[in-house]
Amino acid sequence: MISLFFLPWAAQAQSQDTKKHSWPYKMVRGLKTWIDSSAVRGKDPQYISIPKKAWAVELRADMNNSFLDLVSKDQKIEGIDYWGAKTHSGPTLSVGAWIGYRGYGLSLSRAIVGGGDINALSLGAAGGNYGVNLRMKEYKSNTPKIRVKGDFGDGEYYEEMVWETEAPLNIRSLFLDAYYLFNRKHFSYAAAYDQSARQLRSAGSVVAGTMFYTSRVAYEDEENYTLISIMNGVGRLKFTQASIGAGYAYNWVPAPGWLVNAMVVPMVTLKNRLKTYSYEVQILEDGDKPFILVPSESHSYTNRIDLNADMRLSASYQWQRYYVRFYSHFNHFRFRKENNHGHTSDWTVYGAFGYRF
């Protein structure tokens, strides 16, 4: 009798509570349902298990370094074969924290060693059969290593020296990659890279992947006139590359709780574009400066189809609500125009300690 008496009131209260829910609440609730269902959909429980605790928090520490190498064939000084300028962000140690739901979350980090002029942001997501990673980075360097090679008639000449420029080189880059794993039933990308799943038995998968990379290098300042001069007047450049490819990933389970992952995805760079901005000297009759640099022209170059690769390696251990992960990643990109060419590379190594709740 008591249950029958309260049943209409409970139904009315539930109806009113449902009406109170705003569209943001419904959207978040729907997203949560989709994440939960996609985490288990199509999985073989003998190979992959999903932890019951969906939330997790991590403490992270990572080491990162980015390299830039510019080479210019000199057209002005007889006997000079080329000039080169190489710089890097310096090994940077950062510490931070991450919180998320089944691998989807937010992180904050701060450079504590070598990161005085570095700003970086990284985001990642790993679903049932896909992975997406985004990295943005900006750093400054005022100590490029300059090298010169030539022959002035008395033998080959080569020298390296470190310049300390008054105005730093500014390098800004964005990297985005995404993967699709075909063996959803037996292989888990999430088990290797965010521990929102557990790989119980060894398995591999064919991988389809794509990469997008864009970077801008700027040093157009009067203080860098010598550097601009040996680079054939180029004071700023921007290069963009888009690649697709296929490879293989393998999860090796040497013992319960342990997992070692290796992934290699050869790529074909279909879009490979370089844009250069040149500058000329304008003499000033009045003022504090004897001259200024003014933009003269810009050119866009579409380079030929190139080959590249994306490589990843991770090792992790999970027990009860805890896990640890070690991860490394390497990328390399090349660009070229008539008398200037170069390459960039980036490597990252990091460790994480996580707790599920």
Protein backbone atom coordinates (compact mmCIF):
# COMPACT_ATOMS: atom_id res chain seq x y z
CA MET A 1 0.00 0.00 0.00
CA ILE A 2 2.77 2.42 0.88
CA SER A 3 4.57 1.65 -2.39
CA LEU A 4 1.40 2.17 -4.41
CA PHE A 5 0.76 5.41 -2.59
CA PHE A 6 4.19 6.87 -3.39
CA LEU A 7 4.42 5.53 -6.96
CA PRO A 8 2.53 8.40 -8.69
CA TRP A 9 4.51 10.98 -6.67
CA ALA A 10 7.83 9.34 -7.59
CA ALA A 11 6.91 9.21 -11.28
CA GLN A 12 5.91 12.88 -11.21
CA ALA A 13 9.15 13.85 -9.41
CA GLN A 14 11.23 11.90 -11.93
CA SER A 15 9.39 13.63 -14.80
CA GLN A 16 10.01 17.05 -13.27
CA ASP A 17 13.70 16.16 -12.62
CA THR A 18 14.12 15.12 -16.26
CA LYS A 19 12.66 18.42 -17.45
CA LYS A 20 15.14 20.30 -15.27
CA HIS A 21 18.13 18.79 -17.05
CA SER A 22 19.59 21.30 -19.48
CA TRP A 23 21.06 20.44 -22.87
CA PRO A 24 24.68 20.58 -21.56
CA TYR A 25 23.80 17.91 -18.99
CA LYS A 26 22.15 15.75 -21.65
CA MET A 27 25.11 16.19 -23.97
CA VAL A 28 27.60 15.17 -21.27
CA ARG A 29 25.41 12.22 -20.28
CA GLY A 30 25.19 11.10 -23.90
CA LEU A 31 28.96 11.45 -24.36
CA LYS A 32 29.58 9.37 -21.24
CA THR A 33 27.25 6.65 -22.53
CA TRP A 34 29.03 6.63 -25.89
CA ILE A 35 32.49 6.39 -24.28
CA ASP A 36 31.39 3.55 -22.00
CA SER A 37 29.80 1.56 -24.82
CA SER A 38 32.64 2.09 -27.31
CA ALA A 39 35.20 0.95 -24.72
CA VAL A 40 33.73 -2.58 -24.64
CA ARG A 41 32.15 -2.87 -28.07
CA GLY A 42 33.57 -5.72 -30.15
CA LYS A 43 36.20 -6.76 -27.60
CA ASP A 44 37.17 -10.36 -26.88
CA PRO A 45 37.22 -10.59 -23.06
CA GLN A 46 39.95 -13.24 -23.27
CA TYR A 47 42.27 -10.63 -24.82
CA ILE A 48 41.03 -7.27 -23.51
CA SER A 49 39.38 -6.22 -20.25
CA ILE A 50 38.02 -2.83 -19.21
CA PRO A 51 38.65 -1.63 -15.62
CA LYS A 52 35.49 -0.93 -13.63
CA LYS A 53 36.91 2.32 -12.24
CA ALA A 54 36.51 4.78 -15.10
CA TRP A 55 38.19 7.89 -13.66
CA ALA A 56 41.95 8.19 -13.33
CA VAL A 57 44.54 10.74 -12.28
CA GLU A 58 48.19 10.72 -13.31
CA LEU A 59 51.44 12.36 -12.29
CA ARG A 60 53.67 12.83 -15.33
CA ALA A 61 57.27 13.75 -16.11
CA ASP A 62 58.60 14.08 -19.63
CA MET A 63 61.81 14.91 -21.46
CA ASN A 64 61.56 16.57 -24.88
CA ASN A 65 63.87 18.09 -27.47
CA SER A 66 63.20 19.65 -30.88
CA PHE A 67 65.85 20.24 -33.55
CA LEU A 68 65.97 22.58 -36.55
CA ASP A 69 68.67 22.53 -39.23
CA LEU A 70 68.79 25.13 -42.06
CA VAL A 71 71.22 24.84 -44.97
CA SER A 72 71.83 27.48 -47.66
CA LYS A 73 73.97 27.25 -50.79
CA ASP A 74 75.70 30.64 -50.92
CA GLN A 75 75.45 32.51 -54.21
CA LYS A 76 77.51 35.59 -53.26
CA ILE A 77 80.90 34.50 -51.90
CA GLU A 78 83.13 32.59 -54.28
CA GLY A 79 84.50 29.41 -52.76
CA ILE A 80 81.66 28.87 -50.27
CA ASP A 81 79.71 25.66 -50.87
CA TYR A 82 77.08 26.17 -48.20
CA TRP A 83 76.18 27.75 -44.87
CA GLY A 84 74.31 25.92 -42.15
CA ALA A 85 72.47 26.96 -38.97
CA LYS A 86 71.40 24.38 -36.41
CA THR A 87 69.44 25.04 -33.23
CA HIS A 88 67.34 23.11 -30.73
CA SER A 89 65.04 23.68 -27.78
CA GLY A 90 67.44 21.94 -25.44
CA PRO A 91 66.48 18.84 -23.43
CA THR A 92 63.50 20.07 -21.43
CA LEU A 93 62.24 18.32 -18.31
CA SER A 94 58.59 18.99 -17.46
CA VAL A 95 56.32 17.73 -14.68
CA GLY A 96 52.54 17.79 -14.60
CA ALA A 97 49.26 16.08 -13.82
CA TRP A 98 46.41 14.60 -15.84
CA ILE A 99 42.82 13.70 -14.95
CA GLY A 100 40.35 11.98 -17.22
CA TYR A 101 37.54 9.53 -17.83
CA ARG A 102 38.46 6.31 -19.66
CA GLY A 103 41.44 7.97 -21.31
CA TYR A 104 39.76 11.27 -22.24
CA GLY A 105 40.94 14.15 -20.12
CA LEU A 106 43.03 17.25 -19.54
CA SER A 107 46.61 17.78 -18.44
CA LEU A 108 48.77 20.62 -17.17
CA SER A 109 52.55 20.62 -17.11
CA ARG A 110 55.40 23.00 -16.35
CA ALA A 111 59.01 22.97 -17.49
CA ILE A 112 61.38 22.82 -14.53
CA VAL A 113 64.74 22.29 -16.30
CA GLY A 114 65.74 23.88 -19.61
CA GLY A 115 62.30 25.30 -20.32
CA GLY A 116 62.71 29.04 -19.79
CA ASP A 117 61.71 29.95 -23.37
CA ILE A 118 59.43 27.01 -24.16
CA ASN A 119 55.64 26.83 -24.26
CA ALA A 120 54.05 23.47 -25.02
CA LEU A 121 50.61 21.86 -25.04
CA SER A 122 49.74 18.23 -25.75
CA LEU A 123 46.40 16.43 -25.93
CA GLY A 124 45.61 12.80 -26.65
CA ALA A 125 42.70 10.37 -26.83
CA ALA A 126 42.57 6.60 -27.27
CA GLY A 127 39.32 4.85 -28.11
CA GLY A 128 38.39 1.26 -28.80
CA ASN A 129 40.15 1.15 -32.17
CA TYR A 130 41.67 4.59 -32.71
CA GLY A 131 44.17 7.06 -31.29
CA VAL A 132 44.53 10.84 -31.76
CA ASN A 133 47.41 13.05 -30.57
CA LEU A 134 47.90 16.82 -30.78
CA ARG A 135 51.07 18.70 -29.81
CA MET A 136 51.75 22.44 -30.04
CA LYS A 137 55.11 23.90 -29.16
CA GLU A 138 56.92 27.22 -29.33
CA TYR A 139 60.49 27.90 -28.31
CA LYS A 140 63.19 30.52 -28.78
CA SER A 141 66.92 30.13 -29.33
CA ASN A 142 69.62 32.76 -29.59
CA THR A 143 72.63 30.43 -29.81
CA PRO A 144 72.46 28.70 -33.19
CA LYS A 145 75.45 26.63 -34.27
CA ILE A 146 76.70 28.02 -37.58
CA ARG A 147 78.80 25.94 -39.97
CA VAL A 148 80.42 26.79 -43.26
CA LYS A 149 82.00 24.58 -45.93
CA GLY A 150 83.98 25.71 -48.95
CA ASP A 151 87.16 25.51 -50.99
CA PHE A 152 89.31 28.59 -51.54
CA GLY A 153 91.92 26.85 -53.72
CA ASP A 154 94.18 25.54 -50.95
CA GLY A 155 92.02 22.65 -49.85
CA GLU A 156 88.58 22.04 -48.40
CA TYR A 157 87.53 24.36 -45.60
CA TYR A 158 85.01 23.51 -42.88
CA GLU A 159 84.28 25.27 -39.59
CA GLU A 160 81.60 25.24 -36.90
CA MET A 161 80.95 28.06 -34.47
CA VAL A 162 78.24 29.09 -31.98
CA TRP A 163 76.70 32.51 -32.50
CA GLU A 164 74.86 34.38 -29.80
CA THR A 165 72.27 36.47 -31.59
CA GLU A 166 70.75 39.57 -30.00
CA ALA A 167 67.32 38.66 -31.35
CA PRO A 168 66.35 35.01 -30.87
CA LEU A 169 65.04 32.64 -33.51
CA ASN A 170 61.39 31.85 -32.85
CA ILE A 171 60.17 28.36 -33.79
CA ARG A 172 56.48 27.46 -33.55
CA SER A 173 55.06 24.07 -34.56
CA LEU A 174 51.86 22.03 -34.54
CA PHE A 175 51.75 18.25 -34.91
CA LEU A 176 48.60 16.13 -35.27
CA ASP A 177 48.43 12.39 -35.89
CA ALA A 178 45.59 9.89 -35.88
CA TYR A 179 45.39 6.10 -36.20
CA TYR A 180 42.82 3.44 -36.92
CA LEU A 181 43.42 -0.10 -35.62
CA PHE A 182 41.80 -2.89 -37.64
CA ASN A 183 42.06 -5.68 -35.02
CA ARG A 184 39.61 -4.17 -32.57
CA LYS A 185 38.67 -7.55 -31.18
CA HIS A 186 42.09 -8.61 -29.90
CA PHE A 187 44.30 -5.49 -29.89
CA SER A 188 43.95 -2.40 -27.67
CA TYR A 189 45.76 0.88 -28.40
CA ALA A 190 44.32 2.30 -25.16
CA ALA A 191 45.96 -0.46 -23.10
CA ALA A 192 49.38 0.67 -24.36
CA TYR A 193 49.07 4.47 -24.21
CA ASP A 194 46.61 5.47 -21.48
CA GLN A 195 45.85 2.25 -19.53
CA SER A 196 42.07 2.70 -19.81
CA ALA A 197 42.04 -0.95 -20.93
CA ARG A 198 44.06 -4.08 -20.12
CA GLN A 199 45.70 -6.31 -22.72
CA LEU A 200 45.52 -9.86 -21.34
CA ARG A 201 47.16 -11.74 -24.22
CA SER A 202 49.68 -10.70 -26.86
CA ALA A 203 48.18 -9.49 -30.13
CA GLY A 204 48.93 -7.20 -33.06
CA SER A 205 47.04 -5.11 -35.56
CA VAL A 206 47.45 -3.48 -38.94
CA VAL A 207 47.36 0.31 -38.54
CA ALA A 208 46.21 3.06 -40.90
CA GLY A 209 47.53 6.48 -39.97
CA THR A 210 47.73 10.11 -41.00
CA MET A 211 49.98 12.99 -39.90
CA PHE A 212 49.75 16.75 -40.27
CA TYR A 213 52.67 19.01 -39.41
CA THR A 214 53.18 22.73 -39.76
CA SER A 215 56.01 24.87 -38.46
CA ARG A 216 57.06 28.52 -38.66
CA VAL A 217 60.63 29.73 -38.21
CA ALA A 218 61.08 33.50 -37.79
CA TYR A 219 64.26 35.53 -37.30
CA GLU A 220 63.52 38.72 -39.32
CA ASP A 221 65.24 41.25 -37.09
CA GLU A 222 67.95 43.81 -37.87
CA GLU A 223 70.17 42.13 -35.29
CA ASN A 224 70.04 38.95 -37.40
CA TYR A 225 71.12 40.61 -40.63
CA THR A 226 74.22 38.39 -40.97
CA LEU A 227 72.16 35.23 -40.51
CA ILE A 228 69.56 36.45 -43.02
CA SER A 229 72.32 37.30 -45.47
CA ILE A 230 73.89 33.84 -45.46
CA MET A 231 70.40 32.35 -45.84
CA ASN A 232 70.05 34.18 -49.18
CA GLY A 233 67.87 36.93 -47.72
CA VAL A 234 65.29 34.58 -46.17
CA GLY A 235 64.21 35.76 -42.71
CA ARG A 236 61.06 33.71 -42.18
CA LEU A 237 59.81 30.41 -43.51
CA LYS A 238 56.81 28.18 -43.04
CA PHE A 239 56.46 24.56 -44.07
CA THR A 240 53.42 22.30 -44.04
CA GLN A 241 53.27 18.55 -44.57
CA ALA A 242 50.41 16.05 -44.68
CA SER A 243 51.07 12.31 -44.82
CA ILE A 244 49.15 9.04 -44.89
CA GLY A 245 50.36 5.51 -44.45
CA ALA A 246 49.90 2.06 -42.98
CA GLY A 247 51.97 -0.04 -40.63
CA TYR A 248 51.78 -2.46 -37.77
CA ALA A 249 51.42 -2.32 -33.99
CA TYR A 250 52.03 -5.14 -31.54
CA ASN A 251 51.15 -5.56 -27.87
CA TRP A 252 53.38 -8.08 -26.11
CA VAL A 253 52.27 -9.39 -22.69
CA PRO A 254 55.36 -11.03 -21.15
CA ALA A 255 53.65 -11.55 -17.76
CA PRO A 256 50.32 -10.67 -16.11
CA GLY A 257 50.01 -6.90 -15.73
CA TRP A 258 52.96 -6.14 -18.02
CA LEU A 259 52.64 -4.77 -21.56
CA VAL A 260 55.22 -3.71 -24.14
CA ASN A 261 54.02 -1.96 -27.32
CA ALA A 262 55.84 -1.08 -30.53
CA MET A 263 54.26 0.72 -33.49
CA VAL A 264 55.84 1.67 -36.81
CA VAL A 265 53.79 3.41 -39.50
CA PRO A 266 55.65 4.25 -42.76
CA MET A 267 54.12 7.34 -44.38
CA VAL A 268 53.89 8.93 -47.81
CA THR A 269 53.98 12.73 -47.66
CA LEU A 270 51.44 13.87 -50.25
CA LYS A 271 51.45 17.55 -49.30
CA ASN A 272 54.89 19.09 -48.80
CA ARG A 273 54.82 22.87 -49.14
CA LEU A 274 57.39 25.48 -48.17
CA LYS A 275 56.86 29.24 -48.12
CA THR A 276 59.76 31.67 -47.70
CA TYR A 277 59.75 35.37 -46.86
CA SER A 278 62.73 37.45 -48.02
CA TYR A 279 63.92 40.81 -46.69
CA GLU A 280 66.05 43.67 -48.02
CA VAL A 281 68.07 46.37 -46.27
CA GLN A 282 66.68 49.89 -46.29
CA ILE A 283 69.24 52.55 -45.31
CA LEU A 284 68.01 55.19 -42.86
CA GLU A 285 69.36 58.73 -42.97
CA ASP A 286 67.90 59.67 -39.59
CA GLY A 287 67.16 57.69 -36.48
CA ASP A 288 68.93 55.44 -34.01
CA LYS A 289 69.30 52.58 -36.49
CA PRO A 290 71.49 52.78 -39.60
CA PHE A 291 69.13 50.49 -41.52
CA ILE A 292 65.98 48.41 -41.22
CA LEU A 293 64.83 45.21 -42.89
CA VAL A 294 61.78 45.48 -45.12
CA PRO A 295 59.85 42.61 -46.73
CA SER A 296 60.81 42.17 -50.37
CA GLU A 297 59.07 39.06 -51.66
CA SER A 298 57.63 35.69 -50.71
CA HIS A 299 57.62 32.43 -52.62
CA SER A 300 55.76 29.16 -52.24
CA TYR A 301 57.30 25.85 -53.25
CA THR A 302 55.57 22.52 -53.62
CA ASN A 303 58.08 19.75 -53.01
CA ARG A 304 57.97 16.27 -54.44
CA ILE A 305 56.26 13.36 -52.72
CA ASP A 306 58.44 12.19 -49.86
CA LEU A 307 58.68 9.28 -47.44
CA ASN A 308 58.38 9.53 -43.66
CA ALA A 309 57.54 7.34 -40.69
CA ASP A 310 55.90 7.59 -37.28
CA MET A 311 57.40 5.44 -34.53
CA ARG A 312 56.21 4.79 -30.97
CA LEU A 313 57.31 2.56 -28.11
CA SER A 314 55.77 2.07 -24.68
CA ALA A 315 56.04 -0.19 -21.64
CA SER A 316 53.53 -0.33 -18.79
CA TYR A 317 52.52 -2.27 -15.71
CA GLN A 318 49.05 -2.35 -14.11
CA TRP A 319 48.05 -3.68 -10.70
CA GLN A 320 44.78 -3.17 -8.83
CA ARG A 321 43.96 0.56 -9.21
CA TYR A 322 47.52 1.65 -10.03
CA TYR A 323 49.65 1.69 -13.17
CA VAL A 324 52.95 3.03 -14.48
CA ARG A 325 53.80 3.83 -18.09
CA PHE A 326 56.96 4.73 -20.03
CA TYR A 327 56.65 6.08 -23.55
CA SER A 328 58.84 7.37 -26.39
CA HIS A 329 57.99 9.03 -29.70
CA PHE A 330 60.08 10.30 -32.62
CA ASN A 331 59.25 12.34 -35.74
CA HIS A 332 61.37 13.74 -38.56
CA PHE A 333 60.41 16.17 -41.37
CA ARG A 334 62.39 17.52 -44.36
CA PHE A 335 61.84 20.57 -46.58
CA ARG A 336 63.61 22.05 -49.62
CA LYS A 337 63.62 25.00 -52.04
CA GLU A 338 66.06 26.17 -54.71
CA ASN A 339 69.08 27.10 -52.57
CA ASN A 340 67.75 26.39 -49.08
CA HIS A 341 66.81 23.14 -47.44
CA GLY A 342 66.65 21.64 -43.98
CA HIS A 343 64.91 19.33 -41.60
CA THR A 344 63.24 19.26 -38.21
CA SER A 345 63.01 16.42 -35.71
CA ASP A 346 61.34 15.96 -32.36
CA TRP A 347 61.72 13.28 -29.70
CA THR A 348 59.79 12.77 -26.49
CA VAL A 349 60.29 10.38 -23.56
CA TYR A 350 57.99 10.42 -20.56
CA GLY A 351 56.83 8.43 -17.57
CA ALA A 352 53.48 8.42 -15.74
CA PHE A 353 52.11 7.05 -12.47
CA GLY A 354 48.32 6.66 -12.39
CA TYR A 355 45.52 5.87 -9.96
CA ARG A 356 41.94 4.87 -10.88
CA PHE A 357 38.92 5.88 -8.82
